[in-house]
Amino acid sequence: MEGRPRDEDSLVERARQGDVSAYEELVHRYQGIAFRTAYVVAGGAADAEDAAQEAFVKAYRALGRFRRGAPFRPWLLQIVANEARNRRRSAGRRAGLELRLAAEVPSGGAAPSPEASLVVGERRE
């Protein structure tokens, strides 16, 4: 396959068999494109860095399921993109939760006014 490093298959196979230095070489080879992919998806450098790092860990753990002879880069970048997407979704949910919690807490921690606690149609005496 044109454009694909000739020794990639060998590195992947060695990594599958537990050769950590072979996996380190794959990480070194693809860390730049992994970060750029995660950055495009996640939208921020910190999240992209975390997503790329976690994706490399997940890919290492999943090497046993990697199809022999398949190109490693697209497989890895799919894991990177999924991790970045999950982080972006999680951040969105977290932000929404923070907004809901902020709306529920009275400002300054002050007790709500008596008028705020009145129920429609109820009279205070």
Protein backbone atom coordinates (compact mmCIF):
# COMPACT_ATOMS: atom_id res chain seq x y z
CA MET A 1 0.00 0.00 0.00
CA GLU A 2 1.47 3.34 -1.05
CA GLY A 3 2.20 5.89 1.67
CA ARG A 4 2.07 3.30 4.42
CA PRO A 5 5.32 2.66 6.32
CA ARG A 6 6.67 -0.76 5.41
CA ASP A 7 7.55 -1.65 8.99
CA GLU A 8 4.14 -0.69 10.44
CA ASP A 9 2.85 -4.27 10.27
CA SER A 10 5.94 -5.48 12.08
CA LEU A 11 5.62 -2.83 14.80
CA VAL A 12 1.94 -3.62 15.31
CA GLU A 13 2.59 -7.35 15.48
CA ARG A 14 5.43 -6.88 17.96
CA ALA A 15 3.24 -4.56 20.07
CA ARG A 16 0.44 -7.17 20.00
CA GLN A 17 2.91 -9.64 21.47
CA GLY A 18 3.77 -7.27 24.32
CA ASP A 19 6.78 -5.37 22.94
CA VAL A 20 6.33 -2.00 24.63
CA SER A 21 9.15 -0.39 22.66
CA ALA A 22 7.35 -1.26 19.40
CA TYR A 23 4.19 0.44 20.68
CA GLU A 24 6.25 3.43 21.82
CA GLU A 25 7.49 3.73 18.23
CA LEU A 26 3.90 3.70 16.95
CA VAL A 27 2.95 6.37 19.50
CA HIS A 28 5.92 8.48 18.49
CA ARG A 29 5.06 8.04 14.81
CA TYR A 30 1.39 9.02 15.15
CA GLN A 31 1.22 11.37 18.14
CA GLY A 32 1.19 14.50 15.96
CA ILE A 33 -1.69 13.44 13.74
CA ALA A 34 -3.53 12.01 16.76
CA PHE A 35 -3.33 15.37 18.55
CA ARG A 36 -4.42 17.30 15.45
CA THR A 37 -7.37 14.97 14.92
CA ALA A 38 -8.43 15.27 18.55
CA TYR A 39 -8.04 19.06 18.42
CA VAL A 40 -10.37 19.36 15.44
CA VAL A 41 -12.99 17.21 17.15
CA ALA A 42 -12.63 18.40 20.77
CA GLY A 43 -12.01 22.05 19.96
CA GLY A 44 -9.37 22.74 22.60
CA ALA A 45 -5.73 21.88 23.19
CA ALA A 46 -6.12 20.50 26.72
CA ASP A 47 -9.02 18.22 25.78
CA ALA A 48 -7.22 17.17 22.59
CA GLU A 49 -4.09 16.23 24.50
CA ASP A 50 -6.09 14.22 27.03
CA ALA A 51 -8.15 12.55 24.31
CA ALA A 52 -5.10 11.58 22.26
CA GLN A 53 -3.32 10.17 25.30
CA GLU A 54 -6.36 8.17 26.41
CA ALA A 55 -6.87 6.93 22.84
CA PHE A 56 -3.33 5.55 22.73
CA VAL A 57 -4.00 3.70 25.99
CA LYS A 58 -7.30 2.32 24.65
CA ALA A 59 -5.68 1.31 21.37
CA TYR A 60 -2.92 -0.53 23.23
CA ARG A 61 -5.49 -2.44 25.25
CA ALA A 62 -7.44 -3.26 22.06
CA LEU A 63 -4.46 -4.47 20.00
CA GLY A 64 -5.68 -8.04 20.38
CA ARG A 65 -8.80 -7.10 18.41
CA PHE A 66 -6.89 -5.23 15.70
CA ARG A 67 -7.24 -7.01 12.34
CA ARG A 68 -3.86 -8.26 11.15
CA GLY A 69 -2.74 -6.64 7.92
CA ALA A 70 -5.12 -3.68 8.26
CA PRO A 71 -3.61 -0.18 8.28
CA PHE A 72 -2.97 0.95 11.85
CA ARG A 73 -3.32 4.71 11.35
CA PRO A 74 -7.04 4.86 10.37
CA TRP A 75 -7.89 2.43 13.17
CA LEU A 76 -6.01 4.54 15.70
CA LEU A 77 -7.47 7.83 14.43
CA GLN A 78 -10.99 6.44 14.74
CA ILE A 79 -10.28 5.68 18.39
CA VAL A 80 -8.85 9.20 18.82
CA ALA A 81 -11.89 10.82 17.20
CA ASN A 82 -14.29 8.76 19.33
CA GLU A 83 -12.46 9.68 22.52
CA ALA A 84 -12.39 13.38 21.59
CA ARG A 85 -16.10 13.28 20.70
CA ASN A 86 -16.91 11.63 24.03
CA ARG A 87 -14.93 14.28 25.89
CA ARG A 88 -16.71 17.08 24.01
CA ARG A 89 -20.12 15.57 24.82
CA SER A 90 -19.15 15.07 28.45
CA ALA A 91 -17.98 18.67 28.72
CA GLY A 92 -21.28 19.86 27.23
CA ARG A 93 -23.27 17.81 29.73
CA ARG A 94 -21.10 19.09 32.58
CA ALA A 95 -21.61 22.69 31.49
CA GLY A 96 -25.37 22.18 31.25
CA LEU A 97 -25.46 20.65 34.71
CA GLU A 98 -23.44 23.54 36.12
CA LEU A 99 -25.88 26.03 34.59
CA ARG A 100 -28.87 24.17 36.03
CA LEU A 101 -27.27 24.02 39.46
CA ALA A 102 -26.38 27.70 39.33
CA ALA A 103 -29.98 28.56 38.44
CA GLU A 104 -31.25 26.60 41.45
CA VAL A 105 -28.97 28.28 43.99
CA PRO A 106 -30.12 31.72 45.18
CA SER A 107 -27.51 34.37 44.46
CA GLY A 108 -25.22 35.17 47.33
CA GLY A 109 -26.64 32.33 49.38
CA ALA A 110 -29.41 34.62 50.68
CA ALA A 111 -32.74 33.17 51.73
CA PRO A 112 -35.48 33.58 49.13
CA SER A 113 -37.92 36.43 49.72
CA PRO A 114 -41.30 35.59 51.28
CA GLU A 115 -42.96 36.63 48.02
CA ALA A 116 -41.00 34.01 46.11
CA SER A 117 -42.40 31.25 48.25
CA LEU A 118 -46.06 32.20 47.84
CA VAL A 119 -48.22 29.76 45.94
CA VAL A 120 -50.72 31.24 43.51
CA GLY A 121 -54.07 31.76 45.24
CA GLU A 122 -52.61 31.36 48.73
CA ARG A 123 -52.95 34.26 51.16
CA ARG A 124 -50.45 35.18 53.79
CA GLU A 125 -51.72 36.29 57.13
